[in-house]
Amino acid sequence: MRSANRSYTSAVPKTHRAAYYELLERVRAKGEWEIWLDFFLTGVKETADQAAEAARRIVALFDEHQKKIERLGRPAASVLRVSSTATKPMYRSRPPLKR
């Protein structure tokens, strides 16, 4: 949840800056949390939808390239090895530190 918060809050002021700060002010001045929360969660959903669509496009692109490689004939095996290396993660994240 925390990373979604960062992603959305960094994108919102760029696209809906005035509404974002107006609603935050209403929370501060009048305690109107519900309106701000609805605005915030709508933005989180929009951001998640955009990320999911980007992921679908990336997967489709990899699939398209895979099919093109398979049609190469004899060199396909070598190209597929190189391609499979390119699709593997470049790094691994460490597990969280224990406190």
Protein backbone atom coordinates (compact mmCIF):
# COMPACT_ATOMS: atom_id res chain seq x y z
CA MET A 1 0.00 0.00 0.00
CA ARG A 2 2.81 2.38 0.80
CA SER A 3 4.38 2.14 -2.69
CA ALA A 4 0.97 2.71 -4.32
CA ASN A 5 0.67 5.80 -2.16
CA ARG A 6 4.01 7.14 -3.39
CA SER A 7 3.23 6.39 -7.04
CA TYR A 8 -0.14 8.03 -6.93
CA THR A 9 0.82 11.03 -4.85
CA SER A 10 3.71 11.77 -7.17
CA ALA A 11 1.45 11.59 -10.24
CA VAL A 12 -1.63 13.37 -8.90
CA PRO A 13 -0.26 16.86 -8.42
CA LYS A 14 0.87 16.85 -12.05
CA THR A 15 -2.57 16.03 -13.42
CA HIS A 16 -5.04 17.18 -10.76
CA ARG A 17 -2.96 19.53 -8.65
CA ALA A 18 -5.68 22.04 -7.75
CA ALA A 19 -8.24 19.39 -6.77
CA TYR A 20 -5.68 17.45 -4.78
CA TYR A 21 -4.66 20.39 -2.62
CA GLU A 22 -8.22 21.71 -2.32
CA LEU A 23 -9.39 18.38 -0.96
CA LEU A 24 -6.44 18.15 1.42
CA GLU A 25 -7.32 21.60 2.72
CA ARG A 26 -10.92 20.48 3.26
CA VAL A 27 -9.63 17.53 5.29
CA ARG A 28 -7.54 19.89 7.41
CA ALA A 29 -10.20 22.57 7.84
CA LYS A 30 -13.41 20.55 8.00
CA GLY A 31 -12.36 16.94 8.53
CA GLU A 32 -13.85 15.86 5.20
CA TRP A 33 -11.90 12.62 4.89
CA GLU A 34 -14.45 10.72 2.81
CA ILE A 35 -14.23 13.07 -0.19
CA TRP A 36 -10.43 13.06 -0.14
CA LEU A 37 -10.31 9.29 0.32
CA ASP A 38 -12.65 8.77 -2.65
CA PHE A 39 -10.47 11.07 -4.78
CA PHE A 40 -7.30 9.32 -3.63
CA LEU A 41 -8.61 5.77 -4.18
CA THR A 42 -9.95 6.71 -7.61
CA GLY A 43 -6.46 7.87 -8.48
CA VAL A 44 -4.88 4.70 -7.10
CA LYS A 45 -7.25 2.63 -9.25
CA GLU A 46 -6.45 4.71 -12.35
CA THR A 47 -2.72 4.33 -11.69
CA ALA A 48 -3.10 0.56 -11.20
CA ASP A 49 -5.14 0.28 -14.40
CA GLN A 50 -2.45 2.16 -16.32
CA ALA A 51 0.29 -0.05 -14.88
CA ALA A 52 -1.65 -3.22 -15.74
CA GLU A 53 -2.21 -2.00 -19.31
CA ALA A 54 1.50 -1.20 -19.67
CA ALA A 55 2.35 -4.70 -18.43
CA ARG A 56 -0.07 -6.25 -20.95
CA ARG A 57 1.55 -4.27 -23.77
CA ILE A 58 5.02 -5.38 -22.67
CA VAL A 59 3.97 -9.05 -22.55
CA ALA A 60 2.35 -8.73 -26.00
CA LEU A 61 5.55 -7.20 -27.36
CA PHE A 62 7.65 -10.06 -25.96
CA ASP A 63 5.20 -12.56 -27.47
CA GLU A 64 5.37 -10.81 -30.85
CA HIS A 65 9.16 -10.88 -30.79
CA GLN A 66 9.17 -14.53 -29.74
CA LYS A 67 7.05 -15.43 -32.79
CA LYS A 68 9.31 -13.44 -35.11
CA ILE A 69 12.36 -15.21 -33.71
CA GLU A 70 10.73 -18.63 -34.13
CA ARG A 71 10.15 -17.85 -37.84
CA LEU A 72 13.88 -17.28 -38.40
CA GLY A 73 14.44 -20.96 -39.00
CA ARG A 74 17.88 -22.36 -38.23
CA PRO A 75 19.29 -19.31 -36.34
CA ALA A 76 16.24 -19.24 -34.09
CA ALA A 77 17.84 -21.38 -31.35
CA SER A 78 20.77 -19.00 -30.88
CA VAL A 79 18.56 -15.92 -31.02
CA LEU A 80 16.14 -17.46 -28.51
CA ARG A 81 19.01 -18.04 -26.07
CA VAL A 82 20.02 -14.39 -26.30
CA SER A 83 16.38 -13.30 -26.08
CA SER A 84 15.73 -15.41 -22.97
CA THR A 85 18.71 -13.77 -21.27
CA ALA A 86 17.27 -10.35 -22.02
CA THR A 87 13.94 -11.24 -20.40
CA LYS A 88 15.43 -12.35 -17.09
CA PRO A 89 15.62 -9.88 -14.20
CA MET A 90 18.86 -7.93 -14.13
CA TYR A 91 19.06 -7.95 -10.34
CA ARG A 92 17.47 -9.42 -7.28
CA SER A 93 16.23 -7.42 -4.38
CA ARG A 94 17.47 -8.23 -0.92
CA PRO A 95 15.06 -9.44 1.70
CA PRO A 96 14.09 -6.73 4.20
CA LEU A 97 16.44 -6.21 7.11
CA LYS A 98 15.26 -7.71 10.37
CA ARG A 99 15.04 -5.31 13.25
